[in-house]
Amino acid sequence: MTSNKLPQSVRIREVGPRDGFQNEPEVIATSDKIRLINLLAQTGLRRIEVTSFVRPDVIPQLSDATEVLAGIDRPEGVSYSVLIPNRRGLENALAQRDLFDETNFFLSASETHNMKNVNRTVEESIAGLEETIPVAVEAGLRCEGVISTSFGCPYEGDVPVENVLALALRLARAGCVEVGFGDTTGMANPVQVRRFFDEARERFASEGLGEVELTAHFHDTRGQGLANVLAALEEGIESFESSFGELGGCPVPAGATGNIASEDLVSMLGEMGVDTGIDLAKLIEASAEAQELLGRPLGSHVLKAGPVDWHR
């Protein structure tokens, strides 16, 4: 394993406008989505996942993808990404190519979760992505592959690391310059995370793919999200995904709560001396706006308690 020396800075991709909004029971107005995304774009976040090109009858919460992309501000230095489920989704997205910068492709590492999520076997999903990702690369888009249930499946239990890494390598060879590993239902623990990323980094290096960015995507279902972030940091991981207000989660199964909150992550990293380039006060403001809009308390700890004030 690597030393416990932490990186000086990390990169954070905000996924709330897609991952969070799609899991809300009611459809959020397009104008409100645009307003919240614009607030996030003023926080110092450099990468924001804003929507997905999915079938509107399957996820009506994101049926306004084109309108959202057309309506949001485009500050210099902010990169917008969209989630792509399949080749048809990419074709629909490419009609709006000038309105976004990155594409995210996903599948699950476990057969049961993948079948419940997209009604395909894992092999069917990865084979489809191997045909689709090169089309996105050809269009000049930065591609990330995200593997759900990387640290465990609620239906199957343990997911062999070798299975996850085999998928990750196929995504990288298809053209993904970044691979994200999702703790989809909050089953990971810090010891497991250290071992996983130690093996992942060694495997990518041995395959000549050491330049591929490895990203951690943790959920806080069982209160271990930030502990797992620390474990990943100690293994040299410098890229994370999170959601403002702790919005989002996995639509299957029941009980899978939200992602780690972006403001909790930024606050913890700042206290540890790890730079994110993000204005915590502005991020809290965006989460407070989302909380007021949704009309219920959100799960973010910093939103409730406020940031640490050492001058009191």
C-alpha atoms as a PDB file:
ATOM      1  CA  MET A   1       0.000   0.000   0.000  1.00  0.00           C
ATOM      2  CA  THR A   2       0.998   3.617  -0.409  1.00  0.00           C
ATOM      3  CA  SER A   3       2.020   5.895   2.437  1.00  0.00           C
ATOM      4  CA  ASN A   4      -0.538   7.866   4.429  1.00  0.00           C
ATOM      5  CA  LYS A   5       0.650  11.139   2.924  1.00  0.00           C
ATOM      6  CA  LEU A   6      -2.390  12.906   1.508  1.00  0.00           C
ATOM      7  CA  PRO A   7      -2.521  14.653  -1.866  1.00  0.00           C
ATOM      8  CA  GLN A   8      -2.238  18.441  -1.801  1.00  0.00           C
ATOM      9  CA  SER A   9      -5.359  18.864  -3.898  1.00  0.00           C
ATOM     10  CA  VAL A  10      -8.223  16.817  -5.294  1.00  0.00           C
ATOM     11  CA  ARG A  11     -10.775  17.097  -8.083  1.00  0.00           C
ATOM     12  CA  ILE A  12     -14.482  16.882  -7.323  1.00  0.00           C
ATOM     13  CA  ARG A  13     -17.244  16.247  -9.835  1.00  0.00           C
ATOM     14  CA  GLU A  14     -20.661  17.401  -8.679  1.00  0.00           C
ATOM     15  CA  VAL A  15     -23.347  14.863  -9.669  1.00  0.00           C
ATOM     16  CA  GLY A  16     -26.386  16.231  -7.821  1.00  0.00           C
ATOM     17  CA  PRO A  17     -28.144  17.819 -10.807  1.00  0.00           C
ATOM     18  CA  ARG A  18     -28.336  14.384 -12.445  1.00  0.00           C
ATOM     19  CA  ASP A  19     -27.944  11.751  -9.739  1.00  0.00           C
ATOM     20  CA  GLY A  20     -29.881  13.801  -7.215  1.00  0.00           C
ATOM     21  CA  PHE A  21     -32.687  15.203  -9.314  1.00  0.00           C
ATOM     22  CA  GLN A  22     -33.492  11.889 -11.005  1.00  0.00           C
ATOM     23  CA  ASN A  23     -34.188  10.270  -7.643  1.00  0.00           C
ATOM     24  CA  GLU A  24     -36.676  12.868  -6.472  1.00  0.00           C
ATOM     25  CA  PRO A  25     -40.260  11.538  -6.376  1.00  0.00           C
ATOM     26  CA  GLU A  26     -41.568  14.631  -8.152  1.00  0.00           C
ATOM     27  CA  VAL A  27     -40.271  16.327 -11.285  1.00  0.00           C
ATOM     28  CA  ILE A  28     -38.320  19.506 -10.529  1.00  0.00           C
ATOM     29  CA  ALA A  29     -39.174  22.453 -12.770  1.00  0.00           C
ATOM     30  CA  THR A  30     -36.641  23.097 -15.518  1.00  0.00           C
ATOM     31  CA  SER A  31     -36.197  26.696 -14.400  1.00  0.00           C
ATOM     32  CA  ASP A  32     -35.328  25.542 -10.875  1.00  0.00           C
ATOM     33  CA  LYS A  33     -32.801  23.039 -12.201  1.00  0.00           C
ATOM     34  CA  ILE A  34     -31.150  25.759 -14.246  1.00  0.00           C
ATOM     35  CA  ARG A  35     -31.060  28.110 -11.262  1.00  0.00           C
ATOM     36  CA  LEU A  36     -29.427  25.516  -9.004  1.00  0.00           C
ATOM     37  CA  ILE A  37     -26.885  24.442 -11.620  1.00  0.00           C
ATOM     38  CA  ASN A  38     -25.938  28.084 -12.161  1.00  0.00           C
ATOM     39  CA  LEU A  39     -25.377  28.462  -8.417  1.00  0.00           C
ATOM     40  CA  LEU A  40     -23.135  25.378  -8.422  1.00  0.00           C
ATOM     41  CA  ALA A  41     -21.173  26.724 -11.387  1.00  0.00           C
ATOM     42  CA  GLN A  42     -20.257  29.781  -9.296  1.00  0.00           C
ATOM     43  CA  THR A  43     -18.796  27.787  -6.391  1.00  0.00           C
ATOM     44  CA  GLY A  44     -15.458  26.883  -7.961  1.00  0.00           C
ATOM     45  CA  LEU A  45     -16.622  23.438  -9.053  1.00  0.00           C
ATOM     46  CA  ARG A  46     -14.958  22.643 -12.352  1.00  0.00           C
ATOM     47  CA  ARG A  47     -16.972  19.567 -13.356  1.00  0.00           C
ATOM     48  CA  ILE A  48     -20.753  19.194 -13.018  1.00  0.00           C
ATOM     49  CA  GLU A  49     -22.923  16.337 -14.238  1.00  0.00           C
ATOM     50  CA  VAL A  50     -26.086  18.140 -15.258  1.00  0.00           C
ATOM     51  CA  THR A  51     -28.470  15.617 -16.828  1.00  0.00           C
ATOM     52  CA  SER A  52     -28.870  12.372 -18.759  1.00  0.00           C
ATOM     53  CA  PHE A  53     -30.264  11.393 -22.136  1.00  0.00           C
ATOM     54  CA  VAL A  54     -32.545   8.597 -20.999  1.00  0.00           C
ATOM     55  CA  ARG A  55     -36.019   7.553 -22.061  1.00  0.00           C
ATOM     56  CA  PRO A  56     -38.508  10.062 -20.596  1.00  0.00           C
ATOM     57  CA  ASP A  57     -40.972   7.286 -19.794  1.00  0.00           C
ATOM     58  CA  VAL A  58     -38.310   5.582 -17.668  1.00  0.00           C
ATOM     59  CA  ILE A  59     -36.919   8.657 -15.863  1.00  0.00           C
ATOM     60  CA  PRO A  60     -39.354  11.560 -16.402  1.00  0.00           C
ATOM     61  CA  GLN A  61     -37.339  13.663 -13.938  1.00  0.00           C
ATOM     62  CA  LEU A  62     -34.684  14.125 -16.648  1.00  0.00           C
ATOM     63  CA  SER A  63     -36.930  14.467 -19.699  1.00  0.00           C
ATOM     64  CA  ASP A  64     -35.899  18.119 -20.045  1.00  0.00           C
ATOM     65  CA  ALA A  65     -32.226  17.404 -20.756  1.00  0.00           C
ATOM     66  CA  THR A  66     -32.096  19.558 -23.874  1.00  0.00           C
ATOM     67  CA  GLU A  67     -33.834  22.501 -22.209  1.00  0.00           C
ATOM     68  CA  VAL A  68     -31.510  22.343 -19.186  1.00  0.00           C
ATOM     69  CA  LEU A  69     -28.390  22.265 -21.345  1.00  0.00           C
ATOM     70  CA  ALA A  70     -29.633  25.164 -23.432  1.00  0.00           C
ATOM     71  CA  GLY A  71     -30.552  27.272 -20.398  1.00  0.00           C
ATOM     72  CA  ILE A  72     -27.571  27.007 -18.039  1.00  0.00           C
ATOM     73  CA  ASP A  73     -24.758  29.533 -17.860  1.00  0.00           C
ATOM     74  CA  ARG A  74     -21.334  28.560 -19.170  1.00  0.00           C
ATOM     75  CA  PRO A  75     -18.675  30.106 -16.937  1.00  0.00           C
ATOM     76  CA  GLU A  76     -15.119  29.759 -18.153  1.00  0.00           C
ATOM     77  CA  GLY A  77     -13.408  26.707 -16.726  1.00  0.00           C
ATOM     78  CA  VAL A  78     -16.592  24.772 -15.897  1.00  0.00           C
ATOM     79  CA  SER A  79     -17.066  21.480 -17.737  1.00  0.00           C
ATOM     80  CA  TYR A  80     -20.552  19.985 -18.045  1.00  0.00           C
ATOM     81  CA  SER A  81     -21.160  16.265 -18.428  1.00  0.00           C
ATOM     82  CA  VAL A  82     -24.161  14.092 -19.280  1.00  0.00           C
ATOM     83  CA  LEU A  83     -24.855  10.480 -18.398  1.00  0.00           C
ATOM     84  CA  ILE A  84     -25.321   8.182 -21.392  1.00  0.00           C
ATOM     85  CA  PRO A  85     -27.151   4.849 -20.976  1.00  0.00           C
ATOM     86  CA  ASN A  86     -26.627   3.370 -24.457  1.00  0.00           C
ATOM     87  CA  ARG A  87     -25.997   4.067 -28.154  1.00  0.00           C
ATOM     88  CA  ARG A  88     -29.413   5.633 -28.690  1.00  0.00           C
ATOM     89  CA  GLY A  89     -28.859   7.923 -25.720  1.00  0.00           C
ATOM     90  CA  LEU A  90     -25.536   9.015 -27.203  1.00  0.00           C
ATOM     91  CA  GLU A  91     -27.136   9.717 -30.568  1.00  0.00           C
ATOM     92  CA  ASN A  92     -29.740  11.909 -28.878  1.00  0.00           C
ATOM     93  CA  ALA A  93     -27.042  13.679 -26.891  1.00  0.00           C
ATOM     94  CA  LEU A  94     -24.856  14.337 -29.929  1.00  0.00           C
ATOM     95  CA  ALA A  95     -27.658  16.419 -31.403  1.00  0.00           C
ATOM     96  CA  GLN A  96     -26.781  18.861 -28.579  1.00  0.00           C
ATOM     97  CA  ARG A  97     -23.015  18.345 -28.836  1.00  0.00           C
ATOM     98  CA  ASP A  98     -22.131  22.041 -28.465  1.00  0.00           C
ATOM     99  CA  LEU A  99     -23.891  22.245 -25.096  1.00  0.00           C
ATOM    100  CA  PHE A 100     -21.758  19.798 -23.056  1.00  0.00           C
ATOM    101  CA  ASP A 101     -18.165  18.668 -22.701  1.00  0.00           C
ATOM    102  CA  GLU A 102     -18.076  15.172 -21.216  1.00  0.00           C
ATOM    103  CA  THR A 103     -19.988  11.900 -21.287  1.00  0.00           C
ATOM    104  CA  ASN A 104     -20.373   9.349 -18.507  1.00  0.00           C
ATOM    105  CA  PHE A 105     -21.175   5.729 -19.303  1.00  0.00           C
ATOM    106  CA  PHE A 106     -22.264   3.241 -16.663  1.00  0.00           C
ATOM    107  CA  LEU A 107     -22.895  -0.378 -15.839  1.00  0.00           C
ATOM    108  CA  SER A 108     -22.969  -2.545 -12.723  1.00  0.00           C
ATOM    109  CA  ALA A 109     -20.327  -5.083 -11.747  1.00  0.00           C
ATOM    110  CA  SER A 110     -22.910  -7.559 -10.443  1.00  0.00           C
ATOM    111  CA  GLU A 111     -25.352  -9.392 -12.692  1.00  0.00           C
ATOM    112  CA  THR A 112     -28.422  -8.984 -10.491  1.00  0.00           C
ATOM    113  CA  HIS A 113     -28.014  -5.238  -9.972  1.00  0.00           C
ATOM    114  CA  ASN A 114     -27.282  -4.655 -13.660  1.00  0.00           C
ATOM    115  CA  MET A 115     -30.357  -6.627 -14.687  1.00  0.00           C
ATOM    116  CA  LYS A 116     -32.598  -4.771 -12.235  1.00  0.00           C
ATOM    117  CA  ASN A 117     -31.121  -1.419 -13.239  1.00  0.00           C
ATOM    118  CA  VAL A 118     -30.947  -1.678 -17.051  1.00  0.00           C
ATOM    119  CA  ASN A 119     -32.417  -5.125 -17.831  1.00  0.00           C
ATOM    120  CA  ARG A 120     -29.208  -6.366 -19.423  1.00  0.00           C
ATOM    121  CA  THR A 121     -26.481  -8.809 -18.461  1.00  0.00           C
ATOM    122  CA  VAL A 122     -23.113  -7.334 -17.529  1.00  0.00           C
ATOM    123  CA  GLU A 123     -21.581  -8.686 -20.742  1.00  0.00           C
ATOM    124  CA  GLU A 124     -24.368  -7.167 -22.830  1.00  0.00           C
ATOM    125  CA  SER A 125     -23.776  -3.816 -21.154  1.00  0.00           C
ATOM    126  CA  ILE A 126     -19.992  -3.740 -21.492  1.00  0.00           C
ATOM    127  CA  ALA A 127     -20.133  -4.981 -25.097  1.00  0.00           C
ATOM    128  CA  GLY A 128     -22.603  -2.230 -25.937  1.00  0.00           C
ATOM    129  CA  LEU A 129     -20.400   0.386 -24.303  1.00  0.00           C
ATOM    130  CA  GLU A 130     -17.344  -0.858 -26.187  1.00  0.00           C
ATOM    131  CA  GLU A 131     -19.210  -0.007 -29.384  1.00  0.00           C
ATOM    132  CA  THR A 132     -20.622   3.297 -28.098  1.00  0.00           C
ATOM    133  CA  ILE A 133     -17.680   4.935 -26.316  1.00  0.00           C
ATOM    134  CA  PRO A 134     -15.486   5.232 -29.447  1.00  0.00           C
ATOM    135  CA  VAL A 135     -18.306   7.213 -31.107  1.00  0.00           C
ATOM    136  CA  ALA A 136     -18.194   9.714 -28.238  1.00  0.00           C
ATOM    137  CA  VAL A 137     -14.413   9.889 -28.447  1.00  0.00           C
ATOM    138  CA  GLU A 138     -14.664  10.568 -32.164  1.00  0.00           C
ATOM    139  CA  ALA A 139     -17.022  13.463 -31.355  1.00  0.00           C
ATOM    140  CA  GLY A 140     -14.310  15.003 -29.183  1.00  0.00           C
ATOM    141  CA  LEU A 141     -15.945  14.220 -25.857  1.00  0.00           C
ATOM    142  CA  ARG A 142     -14.073  13.317 -22.692  1.00  0.00           C
ATOM    143  CA  CYS A 143     -15.363   9.913 -21.579  1.00  0.00           C
ATOM    144  CA  GLU A 144     -15.728   8.436 -18.106  1.00  0.00           C
ATOM    145  CA  GLY A 145     -16.916   4.935 -17.345  1.00  0.00           C
ATOM    146  CA  VAL A 146     -18.648   4.371 -14.015  1.00  0.00           C
ATOM    147  CA  ILE A 147     -18.973   0.914 -12.473  1.00  0.00           C
ATOM    148  CA  SER A 148     -21.774   0.542  -9.924  1.00  0.00           C
ATOM    149  CA  THR A 149     -21.641  -2.014  -7.092  1.00  0.00           C
ATOM    150  CA  SER A 150     -17.846  -1.967  -7.223  1.00  0.00           C
ATOM    151  CA  PHE A 151     -17.600  -2.617  -3.489  1.00  0.00           C
ATOM    152  CA  GLY A 152     -20.509  -4.988  -3.004  1.00  0.00           C
ATOM    153  CA  CYS A 153     -23.980  -5.834  -4.272  1.00  0.00           C
ATOM    154  CA  PRO A 154     -27.108  -5.762  -2.084  1.00  0.00           C
ATOM    155  CA  TYR A 155     -28.393  -8.857  -3.908  1.00  0.00           C
ATOM    156  CA  GLU A 156     -25.233 -10.904  -4.405  1.00  0.00           C
ATOM    157  CA  GLY A 157     -23.010  -9.709  -1.575  1.00  0.00           C
ATOM    158  CA  ASP A 158     -19.306  -9.717  -2.374  1.00  0.00           C
ATOM    159  CA  VAL A 159     -18.287  -8.629  -5.863  1.00  0.00           C
ATOM    160  CA  PRO A 160     -14.825  -9.972  -6.765  1.00  0.00           C
ATOM    161  CA  VAL A 161     -12.293  -7.193  -7.314  1.00  0.00           C
ATOM    162  CA  GLU A 162     -11.032  -9.010 -10.387  1.00  0.00           C
ATOM    163  CA  ASN A 163     -14.477  -8.761 -11.989  1.00  0.00           C
ATOM    164  CA  VAL A 164     -14.618  -5.010 -11.334  1.00  0.00           C
ATOM    165  CA  LEU A 165     -11.127  -4.366 -12.658  1.00  0.00           C
ATOM    166  CA  ALA A 166     -11.721  -6.459 -15.768  1.00  0.00           C
ATOM    167  CA  LEU A 167     -14.652  -4.196 -16.612  1.00  0.00           C
ATOM    168  CA  ALA A 168     -12.623  -1.096 -15.749  1.00  0.00           C
ATOM    169  CA  LEU A 169      -9.831  -2.090 -18.113  1.00  0.00           C
ATOM    170  CA  ARG A 170     -12.301  -2.751 -20.922  1.00  0.00           C
ATOM    171  CA  LEU A 171     -13.805   0.711 -20.405  1.00  0.00           C
ATOM    172  CA  ALA A 172     -10.343   2.285 -20.512  1.00  0.00           C
ATOM    173  CA  ARG A 173      -9.369   0.422 -23.663  1.00  0.00           C
ATOM    174  CA  ALA A 174     -12.628   1.519 -25.290  1.00  0.00           C
ATOM    175  CA  GLY A 175     -11.634   5.145 -24.791  1.00  0.00           C
ATOM    176  CA  CYS A 176     -12.503   6.183 -21.234  1.00  0.00           C
ATOM    177  CA  VAL A 177      -9.788   8.408 -19.786  1.00  0.00           C
ATOM    178  CA  GLU A 178     -11.423   8.132 -16.377  1.00  0.00           C
ATOM    179  CA  VAL A 179     -13.025   5.201 -14.572  1.00  0.00           C
ATOM    180  CA  GLY A 180     -15.220   5.748 -11.526  1.00  0.00           C
ATOM    181  CA  PHE A 181     -15.917   3.066  -8.946  1.00  0.00           C
ATOM    182  CA  GLY A 182     -19.287   3.373  -7.231  1.00  0.00           C
ATOM    183  CA  ASP A 183     -20.193   2.216  -3.748  1.00  0.00           C
ATOM    184  CA  THR A 184     -23.757   2.188  -4.955  1.00  0.00           C
ATOM    185  CA  THR A 185     -25.548   1.190  -1.767  1.00  0.00           C
ATOM    186  CA  GLY A 186     -22.962   2.151   0.841  1.00  0.00           C
ATOM    187  CA  MET A 187     -21.492  -1.282   1.497  1.00  0.00           C
ATOM    188  CA  ALA A 188     -17.794  -0.316   1.446  1.00  0.00           C
ATOM    189  CA  ASN A 189     -15.550   0.005   4.482  1.00  0.00           C
ATOM    190  CA  PRO A 190     -12.182   1.809   4.743  1.00  0.00           C
ATOM    191  CA  VAL A 191     -10.005  -1.309   4.886  1.00  0.00           C
ATOM    192  CA  GLN A 192     -11.724  -2.682   1.797  1.00  0.00           C
ATOM    193  CA  VAL A 193     -11.347   0.652   0.005  1.00  0.00           C
ATOM    194  CA  ARG A 194      -7.596   0.775   0.702  1.00  0.00           C
ATOM    195  CA  ARG A 195      -7.094  -2.742  -0.626  1.00  0.00           C
ATOM    196  CA  PHE A 196      -9.272  -2.090  -3.664  1.00  0.00           C
ATOM    197  CA  PHE A 197      -7.485   1.049  -4.822  1.00  0.00           C
ATOM    198  CA  ASP A 198      -4.069  -0.375  -4.037  1.00  0.00           C
ATOM    199  CA  GLU A 199      -4.861  -3.256  -6.374  1.00  0.00           C
ATOM    200  CA  ALA A 200      -6.573  -1.037  -8.948  1.00  0.00           C
ATOM    201  CA  ARG A 201      -3.649   1.352  -9.267  1.00  0.00           C
ATOM    202  CA  GLU A 202      -1.159  -1.504  -9.589  1.00  0.00           C
ATOM    203  CA  ARG A 203      -3.305  -3.284 -12.177  1.00  0.00           C
ATOM    204  CA  PHE A 204      -3.799  -0.215 -14.359  1.00  0.00           C
ATOM    205  CA  ALA A 205      -0.082   0.542 -14.204  1.00  0.00           C
ATOM    206  CA  SER A 206       0.863  -3.012 -15.146  1.00  0.00           C
ATOM    207  CA  GLU A 207      -1.480  -2.839 -18.145  1.00  0.00           C
ATOM    208  CA  GLY A 208       0.126   0.376 -19.376  1.00  0.00           C
ATOM    209  CA  LEU A 209      -2.935   2.421 -18.399  1.00  0.00           C
ATOM    210  CA  GLY A 210      -1.464   4.274 -15.459  1.00  0.00           C
ATOM    211  CA  GLU A 211      -2.588   7.639 -16.867  1.00  0.00           C
ATOM    212  CA  VAL A 212      -6.275   6.732 -16.584  1.00  0.00           C
ATOM    213  CA  GLU A 213      -7.903   8.771 -13.816  1.00  0.00           C
ATOM    214  CA  LEU A 214      -9.368   6.593 -11.065  1.00  0.00           C
ATOM    215  CA  THR A 215     -12.345   8.151  -9.294  1.00  0.00           C
ATOM    216  CA  ALA A 216     -14.163   7.177  -6.101  1.00  0.00           C
ATOM    217  CA  HIS A 217     -17.926   7.548  -5.791  1.00  0.00           C
ATOM    218  CA  PHE A 218     -19.145   6.827  -2.267  1.00  0.00           C
ATOM    219  CA  HIS A 219     -22.598   6.766  -0.726  1.00  0.00           C
ATOM    220  CA  ASP A 220     -23.315   7.438   2.930  1.00  0.00           C
ATOM    221  CA  THR A 221     -26.008   4.807   3.389  1.00  0.00           C
ATOM    222  CA  ARG A 222     -24.373   3.452   6.534  1.00  0.00           C
ATOM    223  CA  GLY A 223     -22.471   6.552   7.603  1.00  0.00           C
ATOM    224  CA  GLN A 224     -19.082   5.453   6.238  1.00  0.00           C
ATOM    225  CA  GLY A 225     -18.813   7.668   3.179  1.00  0.00           C
ATOM    226  CA  LEU A 226     -16.238  10.169   4.429  1.00  0.00           C
ATOM    227  CA  ALA A 227     -14.215   7.450   6.171  1.00  0.00           C
ATOM    228  CA  ASN A 228     -13.995   5.730   2.809  1.00  0.00           C
ATOM    229  CA  VAL A 229     -12.879   9.001   1.203  1.00  0.00           C
ATOM    230  CA  LEU A 230      -9.984   9.169   3.658  1.00  0.00           C
ATOM    231  CA  ALA A 231      -9.019   5.578   2.862  1.00  0.00           C
ATOM    232  CA  ALA A 232      -9.017   6.352  -0.863  1.00  0.00           C
ATOM    233  CA  LEU A 233      -6.971   9.517  -0.288  1.00  0.00           C
ATOM    234  CA  GLU A 234      -4.385   7.485   1.574  1.00  0.00           C
ATOM    235  CA  GLU A 235      -4.102   5.247  -1.497  1.00  0.00           C
ATOM    236  CA  GLY A 236      -3.365   8.231  -3.708  1.00  0.00           C
ATOM    237  CA  ILE A 237      -6.847   8.741  -5.185  1.00  0.00           C
ATOM    238  CA  GLU A 238      -7.321  12.395  -6.120  1.00  0.00           C
ATOM    239  CA  SER A 239     -10.699  12.337  -7.880  1.00  0.00           C
ATOM    240  CA  PHE A 240     -14.115  12.066  -6.212  1.00  0.00           C
ATOM    241  CA  GLU A 241     -17.785  12.394  -7.066  1.00  0.00           C
ATOM    242  CA  SER A 242     -20.339  13.832  -4.643  1.00  0.00           C
ATOM    243  CA  SER A 243     -23.736  15.481  -4.550  1.00  0.00           C
ATOM    244  CA  PHE A 244     -24.733  18.802  -3.002  1.00  0.00           C
ATOM    245  CA  GLY A 245     -27.103  18.388  -0.075  1.00  0.00           C
ATOM    246  CA  GLU A 246     -26.454  14.618  -0.104  1.00  0.00           C
ATOM    247  CA  LEU A 247     -29.058  14.318  -2.849  1.00  0.00           C
ATOM    248  CA  GLY A 248     -29.436  11.159  -4.868  1.00  0.00           C
ATOM    249  CA  GLY A 249     -28.864   7.520  -4.251  1.00  0.00           C
ATOM    250  CA  CYS A 250     -29.618   4.293  -6.034  1.00  0.00           C
ATOM    251  CA  PRO A 251     -33.166   3.650  -7.263  1.00  0.00           C
ATOM    252  CA  VAL A 252     -32.696  -0.052  -6.506  1.00  0.00           C
ATOM    253  CA  PRO A 253     -32.970  -1.401  -3.845  1.00  0.00           C
ATOM    254  CA  ALA A 254     -35.062   0.369  -1.209  1.00  0.00           C
ATOM    255  CA  GLY A 255     -33.087   1.991   1.606  1.00  0.00           C
ATOM    256  CA  ALA A 256     -30.111   3.093  -0.487  1.00  0.00           C
ATOM    257  CA  THR A 257     -29.709   6.698   0.566  1.00  0.00           C
ATOM    258  CA  GLY A 258     -27.776   9.537  -0.976  1.00  0.00           C
ATOM    259  CA  ASN A 259     -24.251  10.196  -2.138  1.00  0.00           C
ATOM    260  CA  ILE A 260     -21.808  11.831   0.221  1.00  0.00           C
ATOM    261  CA  ALA A 261     -22.660  15.522   0.430  1.00  0.00           C
ATOM    262  CA  SER A 262     -20.373  17.781  -1.565  1.00  0.00           C
ATOM    263  CA  GLU A 263     -20.226  20.358   1.210  1.00  0.00           C
ATOM    264  CA  ASP A 264     -19.350  17.679   3.792  1.00  0.00           C
ATOM    265  CA  LEU A 265     -16.562  16.468   1.512  1.00  0.00           C
ATOM    266  CA  VAL A 266     -15.239  19.966   0.796  1.00  0.00           C
ATOM    267  CA  SER A 267     -15.409  20.906   4.481  1.00  0.00           C
ATOM    268  CA  MET A 268     -13.522  17.808   5.627  1.00  0.00           C
ATOM    269  CA  LEU A 269     -10.848  18.156   2.976  1.00  0.00           C
ATOM    270  CA  GLY A 270     -10.368  21.837   3.797  1.00  0.00           C
ATOM    271  CA  GLU A 271      -9.930  21.057   7.483  1.00  0.00           C
ATOM    272  CA  MET A 272      -7.317  18.455   6.491  1.00  0.00           C
ATOM    273  CA  GLY A 273      -5.386  20.909   4.330  1.00  0.00           C
ATOM    274  CA  VAL A 274      -6.386  19.321   1.018  1.00  0.00           C
ATOM    275  CA  ASP A 275      -7.317  21.943  -1.569  1.00  0.00           C
ATOM    276  CA  THR A 276     -10.464  21.599  -3.687  1.00  0.00           C
ATOM    277  CA  GLY A 277     -10.674  25.075  -5.206  1.00  0.00           C
ATOM    278  CA  ILE A 278     -14.310  25.247  -4.079  1.00  0.00           C
ATOM    279  CA  ASP A 279     -15.921  28.059  -2.083  1.00  0.00           C
ATOM    280  CA  LEU A 280     -17.630  26.231   0.795  1.00  0.00           C
ATOM    281  CA  ALA A 281     -19.954  29.113   1.682  1.00  0.00           C
ATOM    282  CA  LYS A 282     -21.289  29.294  -1.883  1.00  0.00           C
ATOM    283  CA  LEU A 283     -21.704  25.521  -1.977  1.00  0.00           C
ATOM    284  CA  ILE A 284     -23.713  25.597   1.246  1.00  0.00           C
ATOM    285  CA  GLU A 285     -25.843  28.354  -0.269  1.00  0.00           C
ATOM    286  CA  ALA A 286     -26.649  26.143  -3.262  1.00  0.00           C
ATOM    287  CA  SER A 287     -27.609  23.248  -0.983  1.00  0.00           C
ATOM    288  CA  ALA A 288     -29.771  25.529   1.147  1.00  0.00           C
ATOM    289  CA  GLU A 289     -31.578  26.623  -2.005  1.00  0.00           C
ATOM    290  CA  ALA A 290     -32.177  22.984  -2.951  1.00  0.00           C
ATOM    291  CA  GLN A 291     -33.444  22.220   0.554  1.00  0.00           C
ATOM    292  CA  GLU A 292     -35.918  25.104   0.400  1.00  0.00           C
ATOM    293  CA  LEU A 293     -37.067  24.078  -3.064  1.00  0.00           C
ATOM    294  CA  LEU A 294     -37.661  20.454  -2.060  1.00  0.00           C
ATOM    295  CA  GLY A 295     -39.317  21.429   1.205  1.00  0.00           C
ATOM    296  CA  ARG A 296     -37.602  18.879   3.409  1.00  0.00           C
ATOM    297  CA  PRO A 297     -34.365  18.619   5.419  1.00  0.00           C
ATOM    298  CA  LEU A 298     -31.488  17.262   3.371  1.00  0.00           C
ATOM    299  CA  GLY A 299     -28.896  14.859   4.732  1.00  0.00           C
ATOM    300  CA  SER A 300     -25.829  17.095   4.586  1.00  0.00           C
ATOM    301  CA  HIS A 301     -24.155  17.532   7.985  1.00  0.00           C
ATOM    302  CA  VAL A 302     -22.508  20.841   7.143  1.00  0.00           C
ATOM    303  CA  LEU A 303     -25.806  22.212   5.864  1.00  0.00           C
ATOM    304  CA  LYS A 304     -27.281  21.508   9.298  1.00  0.00           C
ATOM    305  CA  ALA A 305     -24.386  22.471  11.560  1.00  0.00           C
ATOM    306  CA  GLY A 306     -22.488  24.966   9.416  1.00  0.00           C
ATOM    307  CA  PRO A 307     -18.750  24.900   8.728  1.00  0.00           C
ATOM    308  CA  VAL A 308     -16.205  24.773  11.525  1.00  0.00           C
ATOM    309  CA  ASP A 309     -15.444  28.239  12.876  1.00  0.00           C
ATOM    310  CA  TRP A 310     -12.071  28.265  14.657  1.00  0.00           C
ATOM    311  CA  HIS A 311     -12.452  31.952  15.588  1.00  0.00           C
ATOM    312  CA  ARG A 312     -15.315  31.474  18.026  1.00  0.00           C
END
